[in-house]
N, C-alpha and C. Protein backbone atom coordinates (compact mmCIF):
# COMPACT_ATOMS: atom_id res chain seq x y z
N UNK A 1 18.77 1.12 17.40
CA UNK A 1 19.55 1.49 16.23
C UNK A 1 18.71 1.25 14.99
N UNK A 2 18.97 2.02 13.97
CA UNK A 2 18.21 1.91 12.73
C UNK A 2 18.70 0.73 11.90
N UNK A 3 17.91 0.38 10.89
CA UNK A 3 18.26 -0.71 9.99
C UNK A 3 19.54 -0.39 9.23
N UNK A 4 19.82 0.89 9.01
CA UNK A 4 21.03 1.29 8.29
C UNK A 4 22.28 1.10 9.13
N UNK A 5 22.11 1.06 10.44
CA UNK A 5 23.27 0.97 11.33
C UNK A 5 23.85 2.32 11.67
N UNK A 6 23.27 3.39 11.15
CA UNK A 6 23.76 4.73 11.43
C UNK A 6 23.37 5.13 12.86
N UNK A 7 24.22 5.92 13.48
CA UNK A 7 23.90 6.45 14.80
C UNK A 7 24.54 7.82 14.95
N UNK A 8 24.19 8.51 16.01
CA UNK A 8 24.78 9.82 16.28
C UNK A 8 26.04 9.70 17.12
N UNK A 9 26.40 8.48 17.49
CA UNK A 9 27.54 8.25 18.38
C UNK A 9 28.83 8.01 17.60
N UNK A 10 29.26 8.99 16.85
CA UNK A 10 30.54 8.85 16.16
C UNK A 10 31.26 10.19 16.19
N UNK A 11 32.58 10.11 16.16
CA UNK A 11 33.34 11.36 16.17
C UNK A 11 33.47 11.89 14.75
N UNK A 12 33.98 13.09 14.62
CA UNK A 12 34.06 13.74 13.31
C UNK A 12 34.89 12.95 12.32
N UNK A 13 36.04 12.42 12.76
CA UNK A 13 36.90 11.70 11.83
C UNK A 13 36.23 10.43 11.34
N UNK A 14 35.55 9.71 12.22
CA UNK A 14 34.84 8.50 11.81
C UNK A 14 33.76 8.84 10.78
N UNK A 15 33.06 9.93 11.02
CA UNK A 15 32.02 10.35 10.09
C UNK A 15 32.62 10.74 8.74
N UNK A 16 33.72 11.46 8.76
CA UNK A 16 34.39 11.84 7.51
C UNK A 16 34.82 10.60 6.73
N UNK A 17 35.39 9.64 7.42
CA UNK A 17 35.82 8.40 6.77
C UNK A 17 34.62 7.65 6.19
N UNK A 18 33.54 7.57 6.96
CA UNK A 18 32.36 6.86 6.49
C UNK A 18 31.76 7.54 5.26
N UNK A 19 31.62 8.86 5.29
CA UNK A 19 31.06 9.56 4.14
C UNK A 19 31.94 9.36 2.91
N UNK A 20 33.25 9.28 3.11
CA UNK A 20 34.16 8.98 2.01
C UNK A 20 33.90 7.59 1.44
N UNK A 21 33.65 6.62 2.32
CA UNK A 21 33.36 5.26 1.87
C UNK A 21 32.05 5.22 1.08
N UNK A 22 31.07 5.96 1.53
CA UNK A 22 29.79 6.03 0.81
C UNK A 22 30.00 6.65 -0.57
N UNK A 23 30.71 7.77 -0.62
CA UNK A 23 30.95 8.45 -1.90
C UNK A 23 31.72 7.55 -2.85
N UNK A 24 32.71 6.85 -2.34
CA UNK A 24 33.50 5.94 -3.16
C UNK A 24 32.64 4.79 -3.69
N UNK A 25 31.79 4.25 -2.83
CA UNK A 25 30.93 3.14 -3.25
C UNK A 25 29.95 3.58 -4.33
N UNK A 26 29.45 4.79 -4.22
CA UNK A 26 28.51 5.30 -5.22
C UNK A 26 29.22 5.59 -6.54
N UNK A 27 30.40 6.18 -6.48
CA UNK A 27 31.14 6.59 -7.69
C UNK A 27 31.74 5.42 -8.46
N UNK A 28 32.06 4.35 -7.77
CA UNK A 28 32.77 3.24 -8.39
C UNK A 28 31.97 2.52 -9.46
N UNK A 29 32.67 1.73 -10.25
CA UNK A 29 32.04 1.00 -11.35
C UNK A 29 30.94 0.06 -10.84
N UNK A 30 31.23 -0.67 -9.76
CA UNK A 30 30.24 -1.60 -9.20
C UNK A 30 29.01 -0.83 -8.69
N UNK A 31 29.24 0.28 -8.01
CA UNK A 31 28.14 1.08 -7.49
C UNK A 31 27.29 1.68 -8.60
N UNK A 32 27.94 2.19 -9.63
CA UNK A 32 27.20 2.77 -10.75
C UNK A 32 26.38 1.71 -11.48
N UNK A 33 26.96 0.56 -11.68
CA UNK A 33 26.23 -0.54 -12.32
C UNK A 33 25.02 -0.93 -11.48
N UNK A 34 25.23 -0.99 -10.17
CA UNK A 34 24.14 -1.33 -9.26
C UNK A 34 23.03 -0.28 -9.31
N UNK A 35 23.39 0.99 -9.30
CA UNK A 35 22.38 2.05 -9.34
C UNK A 35 21.56 2.01 -10.63
N UNK A 36 22.20 1.70 -11.74
CA UNK A 36 21.46 1.57 -13.00
C UNK A 36 20.45 0.43 -12.91
N UNK A 37 20.89 -0.70 -12.36
CA UNK A 37 20.00 -1.85 -12.21
C UNK A 37 18.87 -1.52 -11.22
N UNK A 38 19.21 -0.81 -10.16
CA UNK A 38 18.22 -0.42 -9.16
C UNK A 38 17.17 0.52 -9.76
N UNK A 39 17.61 1.47 -10.56
CA UNK A 39 16.68 2.38 -11.23
C UNK A 39 15.71 1.59 -12.10
N UNK A 40 16.24 0.64 -12.87
CA UNK A 40 15.38 -0.16 -13.74
C UNK A 40 14.38 -0.99 -12.93
N UNK A 41 14.82 -1.51 -11.78
CA UNK A 41 13.92 -2.30 -10.93
C UNK A 41 12.80 -1.42 -10.37
N UNK A 42 13.15 -0.21 -9.96
CA UNK A 42 12.12 0.70 -9.45
C UNK A 42 11.12 1.05 -10.55
N UNK A 43 11.63 1.31 -11.74
CA UNK A 43 10.75 1.64 -12.87
C UNK A 43 9.84 0.48 -13.23
N UNK A 44 10.32 -0.75 -13.06
CA UNK A 44 9.55 -1.93 -13.44
C UNK A 44 8.46 -2.30 -12.43
N UNK A 45 8.48 -1.66 -11.27
CA UNK A 45 7.48 -1.99 -10.25
C UNK A 45 6.08 -1.65 -10.76
N UNK A 46 5.16 -2.61 -10.74
CA UNK A 46 3.80 -2.30 -11.19
C UNK A 46 3.09 -1.36 -10.21
N UNK A 47 3.37 -1.50 -8.93
CA UNK A 47 2.77 -0.67 -7.89
C UNK A 47 3.91 0.16 -7.29
N UNK A 48 4.00 1.39 -7.67
CA UNK A 48 5.15 2.24 -7.30
C UNK A 48 4.98 2.78 -5.88
N UNK A 49 5.23 1.87 -4.93
CA UNK A 49 5.13 2.15 -3.50
C UNK A 49 6.31 1.46 -2.82
N UNK A 50 6.88 2.11 -1.81
CA UNK A 50 7.98 1.51 -1.06
C UNK A 50 7.65 1.49 0.42
N UNK A 51 8.01 0.38 1.07
CA UNK A 51 7.83 0.24 2.52
C UNK A 51 9.14 0.53 3.22
N UNK A 52 9.09 0.62 4.54
CA UNK A 52 10.29 0.82 5.35
C UNK A 52 10.48 -0.35 6.29
N UNK A 53 11.69 -0.45 6.84
CA UNK A 53 12.03 -1.36 7.93
C UNK A 53 12.07 -2.84 7.55
N UNK A 54 12.00 -3.16 6.28
CA UNK A 54 12.06 -4.54 5.84
C UNK A 54 12.38 -4.56 4.35
N UNK A 55 12.86 -5.69 3.86
CA UNK A 55 13.08 -5.83 2.42
C UNK A 55 11.76 -6.09 1.69
N UNK A 56 10.91 -6.92 2.32
CA UNK A 56 9.65 -7.29 1.69
C UNK A 56 8.61 -7.54 2.77
N UNK A 57 7.40 -7.07 2.53
CA UNK A 57 6.28 -7.32 3.44
C UNK A 57 5.00 -7.41 2.62
N UNK A 58 4.41 -8.58 2.61
CA UNK A 58 3.12 -8.77 1.93
C UNK A 58 3.15 -8.31 0.47
N UNK A 59 4.21 -8.65 -0.22
CA UNK A 59 4.31 -8.30 -1.64
C UNK A 59 4.72 -6.88 -1.92
N UNK A 60 5.04 -6.11 -0.88
CA UNK A 60 5.55 -4.76 -1.05
C UNK A 60 7.02 -4.75 -0.65
N UNK A 61 7.77 -3.81 -1.19
CA UNK A 61 9.22 -3.83 -1.04
C UNK A 61 9.77 -2.48 -0.63
N UNK A 62 10.96 -2.51 -0.01
CA UNK A 62 11.74 -1.29 0.15
C UNK A 62 12.54 -1.12 -1.14
N UNK A 63 13.37 -0.11 -1.20
CA UNK A 63 14.14 0.15 -2.42
C UNK A 63 14.99 -1.05 -2.82
N UNK A 64 15.77 -1.57 -1.89
CA UNK A 64 16.60 -2.73 -2.20
C UNK A 64 15.75 -3.97 -2.46
N UNK A 65 14.64 -4.10 -1.74
CA UNK A 65 13.76 -5.24 -1.94
C UNK A 65 13.17 -5.29 -3.34
N UNK A 66 12.94 -4.12 -3.94
CA UNK A 66 12.43 -4.09 -5.31
C UNK A 66 13.41 -4.76 -6.26
N UNK A 67 14.70 -4.49 -6.06
CA UNK A 67 15.72 -5.13 -6.90
C UNK A 67 15.84 -6.61 -6.55
N UNK A 68 15.77 -6.93 -5.26
CA UNK A 68 15.83 -8.33 -4.86
C UNK A 68 14.72 -9.14 -5.51
N UNK A 69 13.53 -8.58 -5.55
CA UNK A 69 12.40 -9.27 -6.19
C UNK A 69 12.65 -9.45 -7.67
N UNK A 70 13.17 -8.41 -8.32
CA UNK A 70 13.45 -8.50 -9.75
C UNK A 70 14.52 -9.56 -10.03
N UNK A 71 15.50 -9.66 -9.15
CA UNK A 71 16.56 -10.66 -9.30
C UNK A 71 16.11 -12.06 -8.91
N UNK A 72 14.97 -12.17 -8.27
CA UNK A 72 14.49 -13.46 -7.80
C UNK A 72 15.18 -13.94 -6.53
N UNK A 73 15.71 -13.01 -5.74
CA UNK A 73 16.38 -13.38 -4.49
C UNK A 73 15.36 -13.85 -3.46
N UNK A 74 15.74 -14.86 -2.68
CA UNK A 74 14.93 -15.29 -1.55
C UNK A 74 15.28 -14.36 -0.39
N UNK A 75 14.50 -13.33 -0.22
CA UNK A 75 14.84 -12.30 0.78
C UNK A 75 14.51 -12.73 2.20
N UNK A 76 13.81 -13.86 2.35
CA UNK A 76 13.53 -14.35 3.69
C UNK A 76 14.80 -14.85 4.37
N UNK A 77 15.84 -15.10 3.60
CA UNK A 77 17.11 -15.58 4.17
C UNK A 77 18.08 -14.44 4.49
N UNK A 78 17.69 -13.21 4.17
CA UNK A 78 18.55 -12.04 4.39
C UNK A 78 18.07 -11.31 5.65
N UNK A 79 18.99 -11.03 6.56
CA UNK A 79 18.65 -10.24 7.74
C UNK A 79 18.62 -8.77 7.33
N UNK A 80 17.43 -8.23 7.17
CA UNK A 80 17.27 -6.85 6.68
C UNK A 80 17.85 -5.82 7.63
N UNK A 81 18.13 -6.20 8.87
CA UNK A 81 18.68 -5.27 9.85
C UNK A 81 20.19 -5.43 10.02
N UNK A 82 20.81 -6.24 9.18
CA UNK A 82 22.26 -6.43 9.22
C UNK A 82 22.83 -5.97 7.88
N UNK A 83 23.40 -4.76 7.89
CA UNK A 83 23.84 -4.18 6.62
C UNK A 83 24.91 -5.01 5.94
N UNK A 84 25.69 -5.77 6.69
CA UNK A 84 26.71 -6.62 6.08
C UNK A 84 26.05 -7.74 5.27
N UNK A 85 25.04 -8.39 5.82
CA UNK A 85 24.38 -9.47 5.07
C UNK A 85 23.59 -8.91 3.88
N UNK A 86 23.02 -7.72 4.04
CA UNK A 86 22.32 -7.08 2.92
C UNK A 86 23.30 -6.77 1.80
N UNK A 87 24.45 -6.20 2.17
CA UNK A 87 25.47 -5.87 1.17
C UNK A 87 25.95 -7.12 0.44
N UNK A 88 26.19 -8.20 1.17
CA UNK A 88 26.64 -9.44 0.54
C UNK A 88 25.58 -10.00 -0.40
N UNK A 89 24.33 -9.98 0.03
CA UNK A 89 23.25 -10.53 -0.80
C UNK A 89 23.09 -9.77 -2.11
N UNK A 90 23.36 -8.46 -2.08
CA UNK A 90 23.18 -7.64 -3.28
C UNK A 90 24.49 -7.39 -4.03
N UNK A 91 25.61 -7.85 -3.48
CA UNK A 91 26.89 -7.69 -4.17
C UNK A 91 27.38 -6.26 -4.22
N UNK A 92 27.14 -5.51 -3.15
CA UNK A 92 27.56 -4.11 -3.10
C UNK A 92 28.34 -3.85 -1.82
N UNK A 93 28.98 -2.69 -1.77
CA UNK A 93 29.72 -2.29 -0.58
C UNK A 93 28.75 -2.06 0.58
N UNK A 94 29.22 -2.39 1.77
CA UNK A 94 28.40 -2.20 2.97
C UNK A 94 27.96 -0.74 3.11
N UNK A 95 28.85 0.18 2.76
CA UNK A 95 28.52 1.60 2.87
C UNK A 95 27.36 1.98 1.94
N UNK A 96 27.33 1.41 0.75
CA UNK A 96 26.24 1.71 -0.18
C UNK A 96 24.93 1.10 0.31
N UNK A 97 24.99 -0.12 0.81
CA UNK A 97 23.78 -0.75 1.35
C UNK A 97 23.20 0.08 2.48
N UNK A 98 24.06 0.51 3.40
CA UNK A 98 23.61 1.31 4.54
C UNK A 98 23.02 2.63 4.10
N UNK A 99 23.63 3.26 3.12
CA UNK A 99 23.15 4.56 2.65
C UNK A 99 21.77 4.44 2.00
N UNK A 100 21.58 3.42 1.19
CA UNK A 100 20.28 3.23 0.54
C UNK A 100 19.20 2.94 1.58
N UNK A 101 19.52 2.09 2.54
CA UNK A 101 18.57 1.78 3.61
C UNK A 101 18.24 3.04 4.40
N UNK A 102 19.26 3.83 4.72
CA UNK A 102 19.04 5.08 5.45
C UNK A 102 18.11 6.01 4.67
N UNK A 103 18.39 6.20 3.41
CA UNK A 103 17.56 7.08 2.58
C UNK A 103 16.13 6.56 2.49
N UNK A 104 15.97 5.25 2.36
CA UNK A 104 14.63 4.66 2.25
C UNK A 104 13.85 4.78 3.56
N UNK A 105 14.50 4.47 4.67
CA UNK A 105 13.79 4.32 5.95
C UNK A 105 13.68 5.58 6.79
N UNK A 106 14.66 6.46 6.73
CA UNK A 106 14.76 7.46 7.78
C UNK A 106 14.41 8.90 7.39
N UNK A 107 14.00 9.11 6.18
CA UNK A 107 13.52 10.44 5.82
C UNK A 107 12.05 10.52 6.20
N UNK A 108 11.67 11.48 7.03
CA UNK A 108 10.27 11.57 7.42
C UNK A 108 9.39 12.15 6.31
N UNK A 109 9.99 12.78 5.34
CA UNK A 109 9.25 13.44 4.27
C UNK A 109 10.02 14.66 3.82
N UNK A 110 9.30 15.69 3.43
CA UNK A 110 9.99 16.91 3.02
C UNK A 110 9.34 18.12 3.69
N UNK A 111 10.15 19.14 3.86
CA UNK A 111 9.66 20.38 4.46
C UNK A 111 9.33 21.36 3.34
N UNK A 112 8.17 21.98 3.45
CA UNK A 112 7.76 23.00 2.49
C UNK A 112 7.42 24.27 3.27
N UNK A 113 7.67 25.39 2.64
CA UNK A 113 7.41 26.68 3.28
C UNK A 113 6.10 27.24 2.75
N UNK A 114 5.22 27.63 3.66
CA UNK A 114 3.95 28.21 3.23
C UNK A 114 4.12 29.70 2.93
N UNK A 115 3.05 30.34 2.51
CA UNK A 115 3.10 31.76 2.12
C UNK A 115 3.50 32.68 3.27
N UNK A 116 3.25 32.26 4.49
CA UNK A 116 3.60 33.07 5.66
C UNK A 116 5.03 32.82 6.13
N UNK A 117 5.75 31.95 5.42
CA UNK A 117 7.14 31.68 5.78
C UNK A 117 7.32 30.58 6.80
N UNK A 118 6.24 29.92 7.20
CA UNK A 118 6.33 28.82 8.15
C UNK A 118 6.67 27.53 7.41
N UNK A 119 7.47 26.70 8.06
CA UNK A 119 7.85 25.42 7.48
C UNK A 119 6.91 24.33 7.99
N UNK A 120 6.52 23.45 7.09
CA UNK A 120 5.63 22.35 7.44
C UNK A 120 6.21 21.06 6.89
N UNK A 121 6.14 20.00 7.69
CA UNK A 121 6.60 18.69 7.26
C UNK A 121 5.47 17.98 6.52
N UNK A 122 5.74 17.60 5.29
CA UNK A 122 4.81 16.77 4.53
C UNK A 122 5.35 15.34 4.62
N UNK A 123 4.66 14.50 5.38
CA UNK A 123 5.13 13.14 5.64
C UNK A 123 5.13 12.29 4.37
N UNK A 124 6.14 11.41 4.29
CA UNK A 124 6.22 10.47 3.18
C UNK A 124 5.03 9.52 3.20
N UNK A 125 4.53 9.24 2.02
CA UNK A 125 3.60 8.14 1.81
C UNK A 125 4.40 7.07 1.07
N UNK A 126 3.91 5.84 0.99
CA UNK A 126 4.64 4.84 0.20
C UNK A 126 4.90 5.30 -1.24
N UNK A 127 3.95 6.04 -1.81
CA UNK A 127 4.11 6.52 -3.19
C UNK A 127 5.15 7.64 -3.26
N UNK A 128 5.11 8.56 -2.32
CA UNK A 128 6.10 9.65 -2.36
C UNK A 128 7.50 9.12 -2.02
N UNK A 129 7.57 8.08 -1.18
CA UNK A 129 8.86 7.45 -0.89
C UNK A 129 9.44 6.83 -2.17
N UNK A 130 8.58 6.20 -2.98
CA UNK A 130 9.05 5.63 -4.24
C UNK A 130 9.65 6.74 -5.11
N UNK A 131 8.93 7.84 -5.23
CA UNK A 131 9.41 8.94 -6.08
C UNK A 131 10.70 9.53 -5.53
N UNK A 132 10.75 9.73 -4.22
CA UNK A 132 11.96 10.30 -3.61
C UNK A 132 13.16 9.38 -3.81
N UNK A 133 12.96 8.08 -3.64
CA UNK A 133 14.07 7.14 -3.82
C UNK A 133 14.44 7.01 -5.29
N UNK A 134 13.47 7.06 -6.17
CA UNK A 134 13.77 7.02 -7.61
C UNK A 134 14.60 8.24 -7.97
N UNK A 135 14.25 9.40 -7.44
CA UNK A 135 15.01 10.63 -7.68
C UNK A 135 16.41 10.53 -7.07
N UNK A 136 16.52 9.94 -5.87
CA UNK A 136 17.82 9.79 -5.22
C UNK A 136 18.74 8.90 -6.06
N UNK A 137 18.20 7.78 -6.52
CA UNK A 137 19.00 6.87 -7.36
C UNK A 137 19.47 7.61 -8.61
N UNK A 138 18.55 8.27 -9.29
CA UNK A 138 18.90 8.99 -10.52
C UNK A 138 19.94 10.06 -10.26
N UNK A 139 19.83 10.77 -9.15
CA UNK A 139 20.78 11.85 -8.85
C UNK A 139 22.19 11.33 -8.58
N UNK A 140 22.30 10.05 -8.27
CA UNK A 140 23.61 9.47 -7.97
C UNK A 140 24.21 8.69 -9.14
N UNK A 141 23.48 8.63 -10.25
CA UNK A 141 24.02 7.99 -11.45
C UNK A 141 24.83 9.03 -12.21
N UNK A 142 26.07 8.70 -12.47
CA UNK A 142 26.95 9.63 -13.17
C UNK A 142 26.72 9.51 -14.67
N UNK A 143 26.56 10.63 -15.30
CA UNK A 143 26.37 10.65 -16.74
C UNK A 143 27.72 10.43 -17.42
N UNK A 144 27.75 9.53 -18.37
CA UNK A 144 28.99 9.22 -19.09
C UNK A 144 29.27 10.33 -20.10
N UNK A 145 30.48 10.84 -20.06
CA UNK A 145 30.90 11.88 -21.01
C UNK A 145 31.48 11.22 -22.25
N UNK A 146 31.02 11.60 -23.45
CA UNK A 146 31.56 11.00 -24.69
C UNK A 146 32.98 11.44 -24.95
């Protein structure tokens, strides 16, 4: 099983309910506040690279780990493979923690179409993962209407 806890073994209704929980966690006041703080943490990273499968490794971080480092969290006490403990440590909904971990860890990269119409996978690098996650965070921040 992945660090996010996601699997293909769920029925349609369970998936619908889960996606609703993710959407609610992202839209809510706590989720929006968290995403703003997360964006700032990503921007503050001196080395804009993200790792997978852990919060921190040799001074490098995943998306959530970047915020944990900025907050001064002792991430060695957090089980990075237990979305409930990750959610508690960061003060967010379990659904939001799982979604961020999924986005960070499980995208292989992006597909681009060449001139002949063939699709090719361009694998993520730590730098492209940072950009993709920074874009994901920004795309989920709701703009306040005056």
